[in-house]
């Protein structure tokens, strides 16, 4: 938690506006395992959730942690305004959040490499629309689940077994929907 506290202090020290938005829009910051992501805004908890692997990784800088918190606080702010993370809005929402990160990062000393990385991310955001589809989100989540299972020590043989079981269940599910046809209206 010390690194998260230091990241919050970094925000407070260099950008009081973003710090006030973090405090106003988030009730808590949690560190947990997040399948497939470094950070996530959980609307039901009004929380920025940071993946513990991201927080603990030696190569993750305080600037990157602070930037992720600013990003997720922006999601919280947009949700409070009634702008929900629906599939057709995701690209625009992510662009807004990344621009907030860039605004924050610009106030940090020695931040050129991180600014350049976020600028490339913003450009990429506009070009890869499939990345933000529900299907892509589900695929990243599923892949993240198995990476998380490995991280907590689940043996590979069990992960492979679970993958096979899941494939069978998905196949049965598709088969049932295929034969059931469209819903009947009376």
Protein backbone atom coordinates (compact mmCIF):
# COMPACT_ATOMS: atom_id res chain seq x y z
CA UNK A 1 0.00 0.00 0.00
CA UNK A 2 2.99 2.28 0.47
CA UNK A 3 3.45 2.62 -3.30
CA UNK A 4 -0.23 3.57 -3.73
CA UNK A 5 0.08 6.17 -0.97
CA UNK A 6 3.22 7.54 -2.63
CA UNK A 7 1.40 7.71 -5.98
CA UNK A 8 -1.44 9.66 -4.35
CA UNK A 9 1.07 12.04 -2.80
CA UNK A 10 2.65 12.52 -6.23
CA UNK A 11 -0.74 13.53 -7.63
CA UNK A 12 -1.37 15.86 -4.69
CA UNK A 13 2.07 17.47 -4.96
CA UNK A 14 2.02 18.10 -8.72
CA UNK A 15 -1.65 18.54 -9.68
CA UNK A 16 -4.13 19.67 -7.04
CA UNK A 17 -7.01 19.65 -9.56
CA UNK A 18 -6.56 15.98 -10.39
CA UNK A 19 -6.00 15.16 -6.73
CA UNK A 20 -9.31 16.83 -5.80
CA UNK A 21 -11.02 14.84 -8.58
CA UNK A 22 -9.53 11.59 -7.26
CA UNK A 23 -10.72 12.39 -3.73
CA UNK A 24 -14.15 13.55 -4.90
CA UNK A 25 -14.89 10.73 -7.37
CA UNK A 26 -13.35 7.69 -5.70
CA UNK A 27 -14.32 6.34 -2.30
CA UNK A 28 -11.38 3.95 -2.18
CA UNK A 29 -8.40 2.51 -3.96
CA UNK A 30 -8.01 -1.24 -3.71
CA UNK A 31 -5.15 -3.45 -4.66
CA UNK A 32 -6.35 -6.87 -5.82
CA UNK A 33 -5.88 -9.30 -8.67
CA UNK A 34 -7.60 -8.10 -11.85
CA UNK A 35 -7.79 -10.60 -14.70
CA UNK A 36 -6.49 -8.95 -17.86
CA UNK A 37 -5.98 -5.35 -16.71
CA UNK A 38 -3.60 -3.16 -14.70
CA UNK A 39 -6.39 -1.01 -13.31
CA UNK A 40 -10.15 -0.93 -13.30
CA UNK A 41 -12.92 1.34 -12.09
CA UNK A 42 -15.54 -0.57 -10.10
CA UNK A 43 -18.69 1.55 -10.15
CA UNK A 44 -20.50 -0.54 -7.54
CA UNK A 45 -17.73 0.23 -5.02
CA UNK A 46 -16.76 3.63 -6.44
CA UNK A 47 -13.25 2.23 -6.34
CA UNK A 48 -10.12 2.35 -8.42
CA UNK A 49 -8.87 -1.22 -8.32
CA UNK A 50 -5.19 -1.71 -9.12
CA UNK A 51 -3.79 -5.10 -10.01
CA UNK A 52 -1.33 -6.19 -7.33
CA UNK A 53 1.11 -7.46 -9.96
CA UNK A 54 1.15 -3.99 -11.57
CA UNK A 55 1.63 -2.29 -8.20
CA UNK A 56 4.40 -4.65 -7.07
CA UNK A 57 6.26 -4.86 -10.37
CA UNK A 58 9.66 -3.21 -9.91
CA UNK A 59 9.45 -1.61 -13.36
CA UNK A 60 6.13 0.12 -12.56
CA UNK A 61 6.97 3.69 -11.64
CA UNK A 62 5.07 5.88 -9.18
CA UNK A 63 4.22 8.09 -12.15
CA UNK A 64 2.55 5.14 -13.89
CA UNK A 65 0.59 4.26 -10.74
CA UNK A 66 -0.49 7.87 -10.28
CA UNK A 67 -1.45 8.08 -13.95
CA UNK A 68 -3.57 4.92 -13.65
CA UNK A 69 -5.35 6.40 -10.61
CA UNK A 70 -6.07 9.63 -12.54
CA UNK A 71 -7.36 7.53 -15.45
CA UNK A 72 -9.74 5.50 -13.26
CA UNK A 73 -10.90 8.59 -11.37
CA UNK A 74 -11.86 10.03 -14.76
CA UNK A 75 -13.96 6.92 -15.42
CA UNK A 76 -15.63 7.51 -12.06
CA UNK A 77 -16.30 11.14 -12.91
CA UNK A 78 -17.85 10.22 -16.27
CA UNK A 79 -20.03 7.56 -14.61
CA UNK A 80 -21.27 10.15 -12.11
CA UNK A 81 -22.27 12.34 -15.06
CA UNK A 82 -24.29 9.43 -16.49
CA UNK A 83 -21.78 8.54 -19.20
CA UNK A 84 -21.68 4.76 -18.91
CA UNK A 85 -19.04 2.46 -20.35
CA UNK A 86 -21.23 1.05 -23.10
CA UNK A 87 -19.59 -0.64 -26.08
CA UNK A 88 -20.46 2.15 -28.53
CA UNK A 89 -18.91 4.82 -26.25
CA UNK A 90 -15.74 3.07 -25.10
CA UNK A 91 -13.33 4.58 -27.61
CA UNK A 92 -14.41 8.13 -26.79
CA UNK A 93 -14.41 7.43 -23.04
CA UNK A 94 -10.91 5.93 -23.15
CA UNK A 95 -9.69 8.89 -25.19
CA UNK A 96 -11.02 11.28 -22.54
CA UNK A 97 -9.33 9.28 -19.77
CA UNK A 98 -6.01 9.14 -21.61
CA UNK A 99 -6.13 12.89 -22.29
CA UNK A 100 -6.63 13.43 -18.53
CA UNK A 101 -3.58 11.25 -17.92
CA UNK A 102 -1.58 13.30 -20.43
CA UNK A 103 -2.67 16.52 -18.76
CA UNK A 104 -1.53 15.17 -15.39
CA UNK A 105 1.74 13.66 -16.68
CA UNK A 106 2.69 16.96 -18.34
CA UNK A 107 3.03 18.46 -14.85
CA UNK A 108 5.51 15.82 -13.69
CA UNK A 109 9.27 16.30 -13.94
CA UNK A 110 11.15 13.90 -16.21
CA UNK A 111 7.91 12.56 -17.65
CA UNK A 112 8.73 12.67 -21.36
CA UNK A 113 8.90 8.85 -21.89
CA UNK A 114 5.55 8.31 -20.14
CA UNK A 115 3.96 11.23 -22.05
CA UNK A 116 5.15 9.73 -25.32
CA UNK A 117 3.80 6.29 -24.36
CA UNK A 118 0.38 7.73 -23.48
CA UNK A 119 0.33 9.80 -26.68
CA UNK A 120 0.96 6.62 -28.69
CA UNK A 121 -1.80 4.89 -26.72
CA UNK A 122 -4.19 7.72 -27.58
CA UNK A 123 -3.33 7.42 -31.29
CA UNK A 124 -3.74 3.64 -31.15
CA UNK A 125 -7.08 4.07 -29.38
CA UNK A 126 -8.46 5.80 -32.46
CA UNK A 127 -7.24 3.09 -34.81
CA UNK A 128 -8.14 -0.23 -33.12
CA UNK A 129 -11.90 -0.21 -32.70
CA UNK A 130 -12.13 -4.00 -32.30
CA UNK A 131 -10.08 -3.82 -29.09
CA UNK A 132 -13.04 -2.18 -27.34
CA UNK A 133 -15.72 -4.63 -28.46
CA UNK A 134 -17.54 -6.83 -25.95
CA UNK A 135 -15.98 -9.90 -27.60
CA UNK A 136 -12.44 -8.54 -27.19
CA UNK A 137 -13.15 -7.56 -23.59
CA UNK A 138 -14.37 -11.08 -22.84
CA UNK A 139 -11.33 -12.64 -24.51
CA UNK A 140 -8.91 -10.45 -22.52
CA UNK A 141 -10.80 -11.22 -19.32
CA UNK A 142 -10.69 -14.96 -20.00
CA UNK A 143 -6.97 -14.87 -20.83
CA UNK A 144 -6.39 -12.79 -17.72
CA UNK A 145 -8.22 -15.32 -15.58
CA UNK A 146 -5.77 -18.04 -16.59
CA UNK A 147 -2.75 -15.78 -16.09
CA UNK A 148 -4.11 -14.89 -12.66
CA UNK A 149 -4.68 -18.57 -11.86
CA UNK A 150 -1.02 -19.26 -12.70
CA UNK A 151 0.06 -16.32 -10.56
CA UNK A 152 -1.74 -17.72 -7.51
CA UNK A 153 -0.25 -21.17 -8.10
CA UNK A 154 -2.96 -23.15 -9.86
CA UNK A 155 -1.14 -25.99 -11.68
CA UNK A 156 -1.03 -25.86 -15.50
CA UNK A 157 -2.71 -29.28 -15.78
CA UNK A 158 -5.73 -27.96 -13.87
CA UNK A 159 -5.87 -24.83 -16.01
CA UNK A 160 -5.80 -26.97 -19.19
CA UNK A 161 -8.59 -29.15 -17.76
CA UNK A 162 -10.68 -26.09 -16.93
CA UNK A 163 -10.15 -24.77 -20.46
CA UNK A 164 -11.43 -28.03 -21.92
CA UNK A 165 -14.44 -28.08 -19.60
CA UNK A 166 -15.21 -24.50 -20.50
CA UNK A 167 -14.97 -25.29 -24.23
CA UNK A 168 -17.42 -28.17 -23.82
CA UNK A 169 -19.85 -25.99 -21.86
CA UNK A 170 -19.60 -23.22 -24.48
CA UNK A 171 -20.24 -25.76 -27.25
CA UNK A 172 -23.32 -27.11 -25.50
CA UNK A 173 -24.53 -23.57 -24.88
CA UNK A 174 -24.18 -22.66 -28.59
CA UNK A 175 -25.88 -25.91 -29.60
CA UNK A 176 -28.86 -25.27 -27.32
CA UNK A 177 -29.26 -21.74 -28.67
CA UNK A 178 -28.94 -22.99 -32.25
CA UNK A 179 -31.74 -25.52 -31.88
CA UNK A 180 -33.89 -23.31 -29.71
CA UNK A 181 -33.98 -20.67 -32.43
CA UNK A 182 -35.07 -17.12 -31.88
CA UNK A 183 -37.26 -16.38 -28.86
CA UNK A 184 -40.96 -16.87 -29.54
CA UNK A 185 -43.34 -13.98 -29.13
CA UNK A 186 -46.91 -14.72 -28.17
